[in-house]
């Protein structure tokens, strides 16, 4: 990836019916600095509520859209920013909720962060499989705590805030973006 190339980090939240109720998109440069962000709340799906519904409106700036309007808004935003690659933590989950973005190359941040060979912050005492992957504690919250040393960090489960946190994981891992080519889904 060229220095000037940008990528997107995406996070989603679902309602009690497992339907998409919000999506956060953070545009980043190759140095893993956030350049812009968008937050979409999907109506009427958000009205159904979900385990993290209390975090939906902690961000003041958002667009309220119906599900059928989301595709155009997302594609327009990604195209305007020259995006070709999308990154997400546990990317298969988000990818499954966003079939309209299947033409993009998706990378799984977790597939790098959860492995000892990529994450030097994994303590020697942590239980890992022979592959080097953590057996447990590889979600965003424990990985960000591990990398940052901030033991009081808690994931908000707001899609745009979580997308920023996922970008922070990438920045703290300090790998060139090409390392994530092993995590294409």
Foldseek 3Di string as FASTA:
>chain_A
DDQADKAKEKFFDFAPVRATAKMKIFIAGQLLDTDDIAIEGEPPRLVNHHPQNVLAPPDPDYHYYHPVVVLVVVVVVCVVRNYQEYEYAVVVSVCVNCVSCVNHWYFHLLVQLQFCVQPVLPDPPFDDDPRRGGPDQSDLQSSLCSLVVPVPDDDNPHTNVVSSSSSVSVNSSPDRPVVRVVGTD
